[in-house]
């Protein structure tokens, strides 16, 4: 695993997605609406980073397990920090969707 893999999820990305499905965690895609529509992980919700101030409207349980991703891991890192500062207790930046080895779905 390389340096950026360690920072942004890397080869563990697909494992995190499977864990999310198994344990009922919420997958949050913080890419733009257009990026999300072009392909996202099935079951993920889209909360673009530029509208993250409204995240609490979609993420009501501050103790729920939340896995956040974006294109590279940078925006999701910012979003994870924002959620933690808003009082969310179980937030993980799983990195960039480019590391995902599963199928993606298009549309909203």
PDB file of N, CA and C in Angstrom:
ATOM      1  N   UNK A   1       0.852  -1.178   0.000  1.00  0.00           N
ATOM      2  CA  UNK A   1       0.000   0.000   0.000  1.00  0.00           C
ATOM      3  C   UNK A   1       0.893   1.234   0.000  1.00  0.00           C
ATOM      4  N   UNK A   2       0.629   2.174  -0.916  1.00  0.00           N
ATOM      5  CA  UNK A   2       1.414   3.380  -1.019  1.00  0.00           C
ATOM      6  C   UNK A   2       0.983   4.451  -0.030  1.00  0.00           C
ATOM      7  N   UNK A   3       1.734   5.523  -0.002  1.00  0.00           N
ATOM      8  CA  UNK A   3       1.470   6.627   0.918  1.00  0.00           C
ATOM      9  C   UNK A   3       0.060   7.183   0.760  1.00  0.00           C
ATOM     10  N   UNK A   4      -0.356   7.457  -0.473  1.00  0.00           N
ATOM     11  CA  UNK A   4      -1.686   8.018  -0.688  1.00  0.00           C
ATOM     12  C   UNK A   4      -2.779   7.008  -0.377  1.00  0.00           C
ATOM     13  N   UNK A   5      -2.481   5.717  -0.603  1.00  0.00           N
ATOM     14  CA  UNK A   5      -3.443   4.680  -0.229  1.00  0.00           C
ATOM     15  C   UNK A   5      -3.701   4.731   1.271  1.00  0.00           C
ATOM     16  N   UNK A   6      -2.640   4.919   2.051  1.00  0.00           N
ATOM     17  CA  UNK A   6      -2.804   4.973   3.503  1.00  0.00           C
ATOM     18  C   UNK A   6      -3.619   6.199   3.909  1.00  0.00           C
ATOM     19  N   UNK A   7      -3.399   7.303   3.220  1.00  0.00           N
ATOM     20  CA  UNK A   7      -4.124   8.529   3.557  1.00  0.00           C
ATOM     21  C   UNK A   7      -5.589   8.478   3.142  1.00  0.00           C
ATOM     22  N   UNK A   8      -5.860   7.927   1.980  1.00  0.00           N
ATOM     23  CA  UNK A   8      -7.182   8.070   1.396  1.00  0.00           C
ATOM     24  C   UNK A   8      -7.928   6.759   1.169  1.00  0.00           C
ATOM     25  N   UNK A   9      -7.575   5.710   1.887  1.00  0.00           N
ATOM     26  CA  UNK A   9      -8.349   4.484   1.792  1.00  0.00           C
ATOM     27  C   UNK A   9      -7.744   3.444   0.891  1.00  0.00           C
ATOM     28  N   UNK A  10      -7.336   3.829  -0.295  1.00  0.00           N
ATOM     29  CA  UNK A  10      -6.656   2.953  -1.224  1.00  0.00           C
ATOM     30  C   UNK A  10      -7.303   1.606  -1.394  1.00  0.00           C
ATOM     31  N   UNK A  11      -6.492   0.579  -1.216  1.00  0.00           N
ATOM     32  CA  UNK A  11      -6.961  -0.779  -1.472  1.00  0.00           C
ATOM     33  C   UNK A  11      -8.045  -1.217  -0.494  1.00  0.00           C
ATOM     34  N   UNK A  12      -8.257  -0.497   0.574  1.00  0.00           N
ATOM     35  CA  UNK A  12      -9.300  -0.842   1.542  1.00  0.00           C
ATOM     36  C   UNK A  12     -10.671  -0.298   1.161  1.00  0.00           C
ATOM     37  N   UNK A  13     -10.735   0.515   0.132  1.00  0.00           N
ATOM     38  CA  UNK A  13     -11.988   1.171  -0.233  1.00  0.00           C
ATOM     39  C   UNK A  13     -13.113   0.163  -0.422  1.00  0.00           C
ATOM     40  N   UNK A  14     -12.899  -0.841  -1.235  1.00  0.00           N
ATOM     41  CA  UNK A  14     -13.944  -1.843  -1.498  1.00  0.00           C
ATOM     42  C   UNK A  14     -14.335  -2.585  -0.229  1.00  0.00           C
ATOM     43  N   UNK A  15     -13.361  -2.823   0.652  1.00  0.00           N
ATOM     44  CA  UNK A  15     -13.665  -3.475   1.930  1.00  0.00           C
ATOM     45  C   UNK A  15     -14.582  -2.605   2.778  1.00  0.00           C
ATOM     46  N   UNK A  16     -14.321  -1.308   2.795  1.00  0.00           N
ATOM     47  CA  UNK A  16     -15.189  -0.390   3.537  1.00  0.00           C
ATOM     48  C   UNK A  16     -16.610  -0.406   2.977  1.00  0.00           C
ATOM     49  N   UNK A  17     -16.737  -0.441   1.658  1.00  0.00           N
ATOM     50  CA  UNK A  17     -18.062  -0.470   1.039  1.00  0.00           C
ATOM     51  C   UNK A  17     -18.803  -1.731   1.455  1.00  0.00           C
ATOM     52  N   UNK A  18     -18.125  -2.854   1.449  1.00  0.00           N
ATOM     53  CA  UNK A  18     -18.759  -4.114   1.878  1.00  0.00           C
ATOM     54  C   UNK A  18     -19.143  -4.056   3.342  1.00  0.00           C
ATOM     55  N   UNK A  19     -18.290  -3.493   4.179  1.00  0.00           N
ATOM     56  CA  UNK A  19     -18.615  -3.334   5.591  1.00  0.00           C
ATOM     57  C   UNK A  19     -19.842  -2.451   5.764  1.00  0.00           C
ATOM     58  N   UNK A  20     -19.908  -1.388   4.979  1.00  0.00           N
ATOM     59  CA  UNK A  20     -21.057  -0.479   5.067  1.00  0.00           C
ATOM     60  C   UNK A  20     -22.350  -1.216   4.753  1.00  0.00           C
ATOM     61  N   UNK A  21     -22.309  -2.042   3.718  1.00  0.00           N
ATOM     62  CA  UNK A  21     -23.503  -2.798   3.341  1.00  0.00           C
ATOM     63  C   UNK A  21     -23.879  -3.806   4.420  1.00  0.00           C
ATOM     64  N   UNK A  22     -22.874  -4.432   5.021  1.00  0.00           N
ATOM     65  CA  UNK A  22     -23.124  -5.440   6.045  1.00  0.00           C
ATOM     66  C   UNK A  22     -23.631  -4.846   7.346  1.00  0.00           C
ATOM     67  N   UNK A  23     -23.086  -3.706   7.748  1.00  0.00           N
ATOM     68  CA  UNK A  23     -23.460  -3.149   9.053  1.00  0.00           C
ATOM     69  C   UNK A  23     -24.460  -2.003   8.979  1.00  0.00           C
ATOM     70  N   UNK A  24     -24.961  -1.725   7.782  1.00  0.00           N
ATOM     71  CA  UNK A  24     -25.980  -0.688   7.640  1.00  0.00           C
ATOM     72  C   UNK A  24     -25.455   0.729   7.750  1.00  0.00           C
ATOM     73  N   UNK A  25     -24.167   0.912   7.538  1.00  0.00           N
ATOM     74  CA  UNK A  25     -23.597   2.256   7.586  1.00  0.00           C
ATOM     75  C   UNK A  25     -24.115   3.080   6.415  1.00  0.00           C
ATOM     76  N   UNK A  26     -24.073   4.374   6.582  1.00  0.00           N
ATOM     77  CA  UNK A  26     -24.473   5.291   5.523  1.00  0.00           C
ATOM     78  C   UNK A  26     -23.253   5.638   4.680  1.00  0.00           C
ATOM     79  N   UNK A  27     -23.383   5.435   3.373  1.00  0.00           N
ATOM     80  CA  UNK A  27     -22.344   5.849   2.430  1.00  0.00           C
ATOM     81  C   UNK A  27     -22.702   7.229   1.911  1.00  0.00           C
ATOM     82  N   UNK A  28     -21.790   8.166   2.055  1.00  0.00           N
ATOM     83  CA  UNK A  28     -22.023   9.533   1.599  1.00  0.00           C
ATOM     84  C   UNK A  28     -20.999   9.886   0.532  1.00  0.00           C
ATOM     85  N   UNK A  29     -21.483  10.271  -0.628  1.00  0.00           N
ATOM     86  CA  UNK A  29     -20.665  10.719  -1.749  1.00  0.00           C
ATOM     87  C   UNK A  29     -20.701  12.239  -1.739  1.00  0.00           C
ATOM     88  N   UNK A  30     -19.543  12.869  -1.571  1.00  0.00           N
ATOM     89  CA  UNK A  30     -19.510  14.327  -1.465  1.00  0.00           C
ATOM     90  C   UNK A  30     -19.092  15.007  -2.770  1.00  0.00           C
ATOM     91  N   UNK A  31     -19.079  14.248  -3.863  1.00  0.00           N
ATOM     92  CA  UNK A  31     -18.779  14.849  -5.161  1.00  0.00           C
ATOM     93  C   UNK A  31     -19.971  15.690  -5.628  1.00  0.00           C
ATOM     94  N   UNK A  32     -19.793  16.416  -6.699  1.00  0.00           N
ATOM     95  CA  UNK A  32     -20.864  17.251  -7.249  1.00  0.00           C
ATOM     96  C   UNK A  32     -22.028  16.376  -7.710  1.00  0.00           C
ATOM     97  N   UNK A  33     -23.173  16.986  -7.901  1.00  0.00           N
ATOM     98  CA  UNK A  33     -24.346  16.250  -8.387  1.00  0.00           C
ATOM     99  C   UNK A  33     -24.069  15.596  -9.731  1.00  0.00           C
ATOM    100  N   UNK A  34     -23.333  16.284 -10.606  1.00  0.00           N
ATOM    101  CA  UNK A  34     -22.997  15.732 -11.916  1.00  0.00           C
ATOM    102  C   UNK A  34     -22.087  14.522 -11.812  1.00  0.00           C
ATOM    103  N   UNK A  35     -21.077  14.605 -10.952  1.00  0.00           N
ATOM    104  CA  UNK A  35     -20.182  13.468 -10.749  1.00  0.00           C
ATOM    105  C   UNK A  35     -20.959  12.268 -10.201  1.00  0.00           C
ATOM    106  N   UNK A  36     -21.831  12.548  -9.248  1.00  0.00           N
ATOM    107  CA  UNK A  36     -22.647  11.490  -8.644  1.00  0.00           C
ATOM    108  C   UNK A  36     -23.529  10.830  -9.699  1.00  0.00           C
ATOM    109  N   UNK A  37     -24.161  11.647 -10.523  1.00  0.00           N
ATOM    110  CA  UNK A  37     -25.058  11.124 -11.556  1.00  0.00           C
ATOM    111  C   UNK A  37     -24.314  10.279 -12.587  1.00  0.00           C
ATOM    112  N   UNK A  38     -23.046  10.581 -12.833  1.00  0.00           N
ATOM    113  CA  UNK A  38     -22.250   9.828 -13.802  1.00  0.00           C
ATOM    114  C   UNK A  38     -21.850   8.454 -13.300  1.00  0.00           C
ATOM    115  N   UNK A  39     -21.898   8.241 -12.010  1.00  0.00           N
ATOM    116  CA  UNK A  39     -21.571   6.926 -11.463  1.00  0.00           C
ATOM    117  C   UNK A  39     -21.245   6.997  -9.991  1.00  0.00           C
ATOM    118  N   UNK A  40     -21.999   6.257  -9.191  1.00  0.00           N
ATOM    119  CA  UNK A  40     -21.794   6.226  -7.748  1.00  0.00           C
ATOM    120  C   UNK A  40     -22.056   4.817  -7.227  1.00  0.00           C
ATOM    121  N   UNK A  41     -21.712   4.602  -5.999  1.00  0.00           N
ATOM    122  CA  UNK A  41     -21.923   3.306  -5.368  1.00  0.00           C
ATOM    123  C   UNK A  41     -23.405   3.188  -5.020  1.00  0.00           C
ATOM    124  N   UNK A  42     -23.984   2.069  -5.387  1.00  0.00           N
ATOM    125  CA  UNK A  42     -25.405   1.853  -5.122  1.00  0.00           C
ATOM    126  C   UNK A  42     -25.687   2.000  -3.630  1.00  0.00           C
ATOM    127  N   UNK A  43     -26.714   2.761  -3.325  1.00  0.00           N
ATOM    128  CA  UNK A  43     -27.112   2.988  -1.940  1.00  0.00           C
ATOM    129  C   UNK A  43     -26.508   4.230  -1.317  1.00  0.00           C
ATOM    130  N   UNK A  44     -25.524   4.830  -1.980  1.00  0.00           N
ATOM    131  CA  UNK A  44     -24.903   6.044  -1.446  1.00  0.00           C
ATOM    132  C   UNK A  44     -25.854   7.226  -1.582  1.00  0.00           C
ATOM    133  N   UNK A  45     -25.724   8.160  -0.661  1.00  0.00           N
ATOM    134  CA  UNK A  45     -26.465   9.412  -0.785  1.00  0.00           C
ATOM    135  C   UNK A  45     -25.471  10.494  -1.190  1.00  0.00           C
ATOM    136  N   UNK A  46     -25.960  11.480  -1.899  1.00  0.00           N
ATOM    137  CA  UNK A  46     -25.111  12.560  -2.387  1.00  0.00           C
ATOM    138  C   UNK A  46     -25.340  13.815  -1.572  1.00  0.00           C
ATOM    139  N   UNK A  47     -24.272  14.255  -0.928  1.00  0.00           N
ATOM    140  CA  UNK A  47     -24.270  15.551  -0.248  1.00  0.00           C
ATOM    141  C   UNK A  47     -23.002  16.255  -0.729  1.00  0.00           C
ATOM    142  N   UNK A  48     -23.120  17.040  -1.805  1.00  0.00           N
ATOM    143  CA  UNK A  48     -21.925  17.714  -2.337  1.00  0.00           C
ATOM    144  C   UNK A  48     -21.234  18.556  -1.268  1.00  0.00           C
ATOM    145  N   UNK A  49     -19.923  18.548  -1.297  1.00  0.00           N
ATOM    146  CA  UNK A  49     -19.160  19.272  -0.283  1.00  0.00           C
ATOM    147  C   UNK A  49     -19.551  20.744  -0.220  1.00  0.00           C
ATOM    148  N   UNK A  50     -19.877  21.347  -1.373  1.00  0.00           N
ATOM    149  CA  UNK A  50     -20.225  22.771  -1.364  1.00  0.00           C
ATOM    150  C   UNK A  50     -21.582  23.055  -0.720  1.00  0.00           C
ATOM    151  N   UNK A  51     -22.346  22.021  -0.380  1.00  0.00           N
ATOM    152  CA  UNK A  51     -23.608  22.227   0.352  1.00  0.00           C
ATOM    153  C   UNK A  51     -23.612  21.437   1.654  1.00  0.00           C
ATOM    154  N   UNK A  52     -22.424  21.157   2.170  1.00  0.00           N
ATOM    155  CA  UNK A  52     -22.312  20.302   3.343  1.00  0.00           C
ATOM    156  C   UNK A  52     -22.863  20.938   4.606  1.00  0.00           C
ATOM    157  N   UNK A  53     -23.041  22.234   4.602  1.00  0.00           N
ATOM    158  CA  UNK A  53     -23.631  22.899   5.758  1.00  0.00           C
ATOM    159  C   UNK A  53     -25.054  22.404   6.021  1.00  0.00           C
ATOM    160  N   UNK A  54     -25.666  21.741   5.028  1.00  0.00           N
ATOM    161  CA  UNK A  54     -27.018  21.191   5.191  1.00  0.00           C
ATOM    162  C   UNK A  54     -27.009  19.688   5.433  1.00  0.00           C
ATOM    163  N   UNK A  55     -25.859  19.134   5.742  1.00  0.00           N
ATOM    164  CA  UNK A  55     -25.724  17.681   5.908  1.00  0.00           C
ATOM    165  C   UNK A  55     -26.644  17.123   6.978  1.00  0.00           C
ATOM    166  N   UNK A  56     -26.890  17.880   8.024  1.00  0.00           N
ATOM    167  CA  UNK A  56     -27.700  17.368   9.134  1.00  0.00           C
ATOM    168  C   UNK A  56     -29.146  17.087   8.721  1.00  0.00           C
ATOM    169  N   UNK A  57     -29.588  17.655   7.597  1.00  0.00           N
ATOM    170  CA  UNK A  57     -30.941  17.362   7.109  1.00  0.00           C
ATOM    171  C   UNK A  57     -31.046  15.929   6.593  1.00  0.00           C
ATOM    172  N   UNK A  58     -29.947  15.381   6.075  1.00  0.00           N
ATOM    173  CA  UNK A  58     -29.941  14.010   5.567  1.00  0.00           C
ATOM    174  C   UNK A  58     -29.330  13.028   6.557  1.00  0.00           C
ATOM    175  N   UNK A  59     -28.489  13.528   7.442  1.00  0.00           N
ATOM    176  CA  UNK A  59     -27.796  12.687   8.419  1.00  0.00           C
ATOM    177  C   UNK A  59     -28.253  13.074   9.815  1.00  0.00           C
ATOM    178  N   UNK A  60     -29.365  12.529  10.213  1.00  0.00           N
ATOM    179  CA  UNK A  60     -29.986  12.947  11.477  1.00  0.00           C
ATOM    180  C   UNK A  60     -29.366  12.303  12.717  1.00  0.00           C
ATOM    181  N   UNK A  61     -28.899  11.066  12.599  1.00  0.00           N
ATOM    182  CA  UNK A  61     -28.347  10.345  13.748  1.00  0.00           C
ATOM    183  C   UNK A  61     -26.852  10.609  13.857  1.00  0.00           C
ATOM    184  N   UNK A  62     -26.462  11.373  14.846  1.00  0.00           N
ATOM    185  CA  UNK A  62     -25.056  11.745  14.992  1.00  0.00           C
ATOM    186  C   UNK A  62     -24.176  10.602  15.491  1.00  0.00           C
ATOM    187  N   UNK A  63     -24.790   9.490  15.904  1.00  0.00           N
ATOM    188  CA  UNK A  63     -24.024   8.330  16.354  1.00  0.00           C
ATOM    189  C   UNK A  63     -23.998   7.206  15.322  1.00  0.00           C
ATOM    190  N   UNK A  64     -24.620   7.412  14.175  1.00  0.00           N
ATOM    191  CA  UNK A  64     -24.639   6.394  13.122  1.00  0.00           C
ATOM    192  C   UNK A  64     -23.253   6.278  12.481  1.00  0.00           C
ATOM    193  N   UNK A  65     -22.970   5.114  11.932  1.00  0.00           N
ATOM    194  CA  UNK A  65     -21.722   4.900  11.211  1.00  0.00           C
ATOM    195  C   UNK A  65     -21.848   5.505   9.818  1.00  0.00           C
ATOM    196  N   UNK A  66     -20.909   6.378   9.473  1.00  0.00           N
ATOM    197  CA  UNK A  66     -20.933   7.086   8.199  1.00  0.00           C
ATOM    198  C   UNK A  66     -19.596   6.906   7.503  1.00  0.00           C
ATOM    199  N   UNK A  67     -19.635   6.428   6.264  1.00  0.00           N
ATOM    200  CA  UNK A  67     -18.454   6.311   5.422  1.00  0.00           C
ATOM    201  C   UNK A  67     -18.579   7.330   4.307  1.00  0.00           C
ATOM    202  N   UNK A  68     -17.540   8.143   4.147  1.00  0.00           N
ATOM    203  CA  UNK A  68     -17.575   9.237   3.177  1.00  0.00           C
ATOM    204  C   UNK A  68     -16.540   9.003   2.082  1.00  0.00           C
ATOM    205  N   UNK A  69     -16.948   9.268   0.839  1.00  0.00           N
ATOM    206  CA  UNK A  69     -15.997   9.172  -0.274  1.00  0.00           C
ATOM    207  C   UNK A  69     -16.218  10.306  -1.264  1.00  0.00           C
ATOM    208  N   UNK A  70     -15.214  10.490  -2.124  1.00  0.00           N
ATOM    209  CA  UNK A  70     -15.286  11.479  -3.198  1.00  0.00           C
ATOM    210  C   UNK A  70     -14.518  10.904  -4.386  1.00  0.00           C
ATOM    211  N   UNK A  71     -13.870  11.743  -5.158  1.00  0.00           N
ATOM    212  CA  UNK A  71     -13.105  11.262  -6.309  1.00  0.00           C
ATOM    213  C   UNK A  71     -11.715  10.775  -5.901  1.00  0.00           C
ATOM    214  N   UNK A  72     -11.047  11.526  -5.028  1.00  0.00           N
ATOM    215  CA  UNK A  72      -9.664  11.199  -4.679  1.00  0.00           C
ATOM    216  C   UNK A  72      -9.432  10.960  -3.197  1.00  0.00           C
ATOM    217  N   UNK A  73     -10.325  11.436  -2.361  1.00  0.00           N
ATOM    218  CA  UNK A  73     -10.156  11.336  -0.912  1.00  0.00           C
ATOM    219  C   UNK A  73      -9.964  12.675  -0.240  1.00  0.00           C
ATOM    220  N   UNK A  74      -9.706  13.710  -1.018  1.00  0.00           N
ATOM    221  CA  UNK A  74      -9.470  15.031  -0.448  1.00  0.00           C
ATOM    222  C   UNK A  74     -10.762  15.677   0.059  1.00  0.00           C
ATOM    223  N   UNK A  75     -11.764  15.763  -0.796  1.00  0.00           N
ATOM    224  CA  UNK A  75     -13.041  16.358  -0.371  1.00  0.00           C
ATOM    225  C   UNK A  75     -13.685  15.552   0.741  1.00  0.00           C
ATOM    226  N   UNK A  76     -13.571  14.229   0.655  1.00  0.00           N
ATOM    227  CA  UNK A  76     -14.176  13.398   1.700  1.00  0.00           C
ATOM    228  C   UNK A  76     -13.456  13.605   3.035  1.00  0.00           C
ATOM    229  N   UNK A  77     -12.164  13.891   2.991  1.00  0.00           N
ATOM    230  CA  UNK A  77     -11.436  14.207   4.218  1.00  0.00           C
ATOM    231  C   UNK A  77     -11.958  15.487   4.850  1.00  0.00           C
ATOM    232  N   UNK A  78     -12.197  16.497   4.020  1.00  0.00           N
ATOM    233  CA  UNK A  78     -12.754  17.754   4.519  1.00  0.00           C
ATOM    234  C   UNK A  78     -14.151  17.544   5.088  1.00  0.00           C
ATOM    235  N   UNK A  79     -14.949  16.724   4.386  1.00  0.00           N
ATOM    236  CA  UNK A  79     -16.312  16.458   4.840  1.00  0.00           C
ATOM    237  C   UNK A  79     -16.313  15.689   6.155  1.00  0.00           C
ATOM    238  N   UNK A  80     -15.415  14.714   6.286  1.00  0.00           N
ATOM    239  CA  UNK A  80     -15.329  13.937   7.533  1.00  0.00           C
ATOM    240  C   UNK A  80     -14.976  14.849   8.699  1.00  0.00           C
ATOM    241  N   UNK A  81     -14.019  15.737   8.493  1.00  0.00           N
ATOM    242  CA  UNK A  81     -13.654  16.686   9.547  1.00  0.00           C
ATOM    243  C   UNK A  81     -14.810  17.601   9.893  1.00  0.00           C
ATOM    244  N   UNK A  82     -15.559  18.034   8.882  1.00  0.00           N
ATOM    245  CA  UNK A  82     -16.714  18.906   9.122  1.00  0.00           C
ATOM    246  C   UNK A  82     -17.764  18.183   9.964  1.00  0.00           C
ATOM    247  N   UNK A  83     -18.054  16.927   9.612  1.00  0.00           N
ATOM    248  CA  UNK A  83     -19.042  16.175  10.381  1.00  0.00           C
ATOM    249  C   UNK A  83     -18.599  15.976  11.827  1.00  0.00           C
ATOM    250  N   UNK A  84     -17.342  15.659  12.011  1.00  0.00           N
ATOM    251  CA  UNK A  84     -16.831  15.477  13.369  1.00  0.00           C
ATOM    252  C   UNK A  84     -16.970  16.761  14.173  1.00  0.00           C
ATOM    253  N   UNK A  85     -16.706  17.894  13.536  1.00  0.00           N
ATOM    254  CA  UNK A  85     -16.843  19.177  14.241  1.00  0.00           C
ATOM    255  C   UNK A  85     -18.301  19.514  14.523  1.00  0.00           C
ATOM    256  N   UNK A  86     -19.225  18.858  13.776  1.00  0.00           N
ATOM    257  CA  UNK A  86     -20.662  19.065  14.000  1.00  0.00           C
ATOM    258  C   UNK A  86     -21.206  18.076  15.039  1.00  0.00           C
ATOM    259  N   UNK A  87     -20.340  17.230  15.590  1.00  0.00           N
ATOM    260  CA  UNK A  87     -20.754  16.321  16.646  1.00  0.00           C
ATOM    261  C   UNK A  87     -21.035  14.891  16.221  1.00  0.00           C
ATOM    262  N   UNK A  88     -20.761  14.549  14.975  1.00  0.00           N
ATOM    263  CA  UNK A  88     -20.939  13.157  14.534  1.00  0.00           C
ATOM    264  C   UNK A  88     -19.788  12.328  15.109  1.00  0.00           C
ATOM    265  N   UNK A  89     -20.110  11.139  15.589  1.00  0.00           N
ATOM    266  CA  UNK A  89     -19.142  10.381  16.368  1.00  0.00           C
ATOM    267  C   UNK A  89     -18.461   9.228  15.632  1.00  0.00           C
ATOM    268  N   UNK A  90     -19.035   8.736  14.541  1.00  0.00           N
ATOM    269  CA  UNK A  90     -18.496   7.550  13.866  1.00  0.00           C
ATOM    270  C   UNK A  90     -18.387   7.804  12.367  1.00  0.00           C
ATOM    271  N   UNK A  91     -17.406   8.612  12.002  1.00  0.00           N
ATOM    272  CA  UNK A  91     -17.234   9.057  10.616  1.00  0.00           C
ATOM    273  C   UNK A  91     -15.883   8.588  10.097  1.00  0.00           C
ATOM    274  N   UNK A  92     -15.888   7.988   8.903  1.00  0.00           N
ATOM    275  CA  UNK A  92     -14.646   7.514   8.302  1.00  0.00           C
ATOM    276  C   UNK A  92     -14.551   7.993   6.858  1.00  0.00           C
ATOM    277  N   UNK A  93     -13.422   8.603   6.527  1.00  0.00           N
ATOM    278  CA  UNK A  93     -13.110   8.952   5.148  1.00  0.00           C
ATOM    279  C   UNK A  93     -12.555   7.694   4.501  1.00  0.00           C
ATOM    280  N   UNK A  94     -13.305   7.094   3.562  1.00  0.00           N
ATOM    281  CA  UNK A  94     -12.827   5.864   2.937  1.00  0.00           C
ATOM    282  C   UNK A  94     -12.060   6.142   1.647  1.00  0.00           C
ATOM    283  N   UNK A  95     -11.967   7.389   1.227  1.00  0.00           N
ATOM    284  CA  UNK A  95     -11.122   7.755   0.107  1.00  0.00           C
ATOM    285  C   UNK A  95     -11.849   8.047  -1.181  1.00  0.00           C
ATOM    286  N   UNK A  96     -11.165   7.726  -2.283  1.00  0.00           N
ATOM    287  CA  UNK A  96     -11.679   8.057  -3.609  1.00  0.00           C
ATOM    288  C   UNK A  96     -12.298   6.873  -4.313  1.00  0.00           C
ATOM    289  N   UNK A  97     -13.376   7.136  -5.013  1.00  0.00           N
ATOM    290  CA  UNK A  97     -14.114   6.081  -5.719  1.00  0.00           C
ATOM    291  C   UNK A  97     -13.260   5.408  -6.794  1.00  0.00           C
ATOM    292  N   UNK A  98     -12.197   6.046  -7.209  1.00  0.00           N
ATOM    293  CA  UNK A  98     -11.295   5.426  -8.176  1.00  0.00           C
ATOM    294  C   UNK A  98     -10.673   4.131  -7.668  1.00  0.00           C
ATOM    295  N   UNK A  99     -10.653   3.947  -6.354  1.00  0.00           N
ATOM    296  CA  UNK A  99     -10.130   2.718  -5.757  1.00  0.00           C
ATOM    297  C   UNK A  99     -11.174   1.607  -5.694  1.00  0.00           C
ATOM    298  N   UNK A 100     -12.439   1.940  -5.996  1.00  0.00           N
ATOM    299  CA  UNK A 100     -13.526   0.959  -5.865  1.00  0.00           C
ATOM    300  C   UNK A 100     -13.466  -0.049  -6.997  1.00  0.00           C
ATOM    301  N   UNK A 101     -13.602  -1.318  -6.678  1.00  0.00           N
ATOM    302  CA  UNK A 101     -13.535  -2.390  -7.667  1.00  0.00           C
ATOM    303  C   UNK A 101     -14.890  -2.999  -7.961  1.00  0.00           C
ATOM    304  N   UNK A 102     -15.945  -2.423  -7.416  1.00  0.00           N
ATOM    305  CA  UNK A 102     -17.281  -2.942  -7.659  1.00  0.00           C
ATOM    306  C   UNK A 102     -18.012  -2.159  -8.733  1.00  0.00           C
ATOM    307  N   UNK A 103     -19.257  -2.531  -8.950  1.00  0.00           N
ATOM    308  CA  UNK A 103     -20.095  -1.856  -9.938  1.00  0.00           C
ATOM    309  C   UNK A 103     -20.589  -0.518  -9.399  1.00  0.00           C
ATOM    310  N   UNK A 104     -20.749   0.416 -10.310  1.00  0.00           N
ATOM    311  CA  UNK A 104     -21.355   1.702  -9.969  1.00  0.00           C
ATOM    312  C   UNK A 104     -22.648   1.855 -10.752  1.00  0.00           C
ATOM    313  N   UNK A 105     -23.514   2.708 -10.229  1.00  0.00           N
ATOM    314  CA  UNK A 105     -24.779   2.973 -10.897  1.00  0.00           C
ATOM    315  C   UNK A 105     -24.822   4.435 -11.316  1.00  0.00           C
ATOM    316  N   UNK A 106     -25.513   4.725 -12.386  1.00  0.00           N
ATOM    317  CA  UNK A 106     -25.644   6.095 -12.866  1.00  0.00           C
ATOM    318  C   UNK A 106     -27.015   6.622 -12.507  1.00  0.00           C
ATOM    319  N   UNK A 107     -27.142   7.924 -12.519  1.00  0.00           N
ATOM    320  CA  UNK A 107     -28.414   8.581 -12.192  1.00  0.00           C
ATOM    321  C   UNK A 107     -28.401   9.108 -10.770  1.00  0.00           C
ATOM    322  N   UNK A 108     -29.499   9.715 -10.415  1.00  0.00           N
ATOM    323  CA  UNK A 108     -29.608  10.295  -9.070  1.00  0.00           C
ATOM    324  C   UNK A 108     -30.173   9.306  -8.164  1.00  0.00           C
TER     325      UNK A 108
END
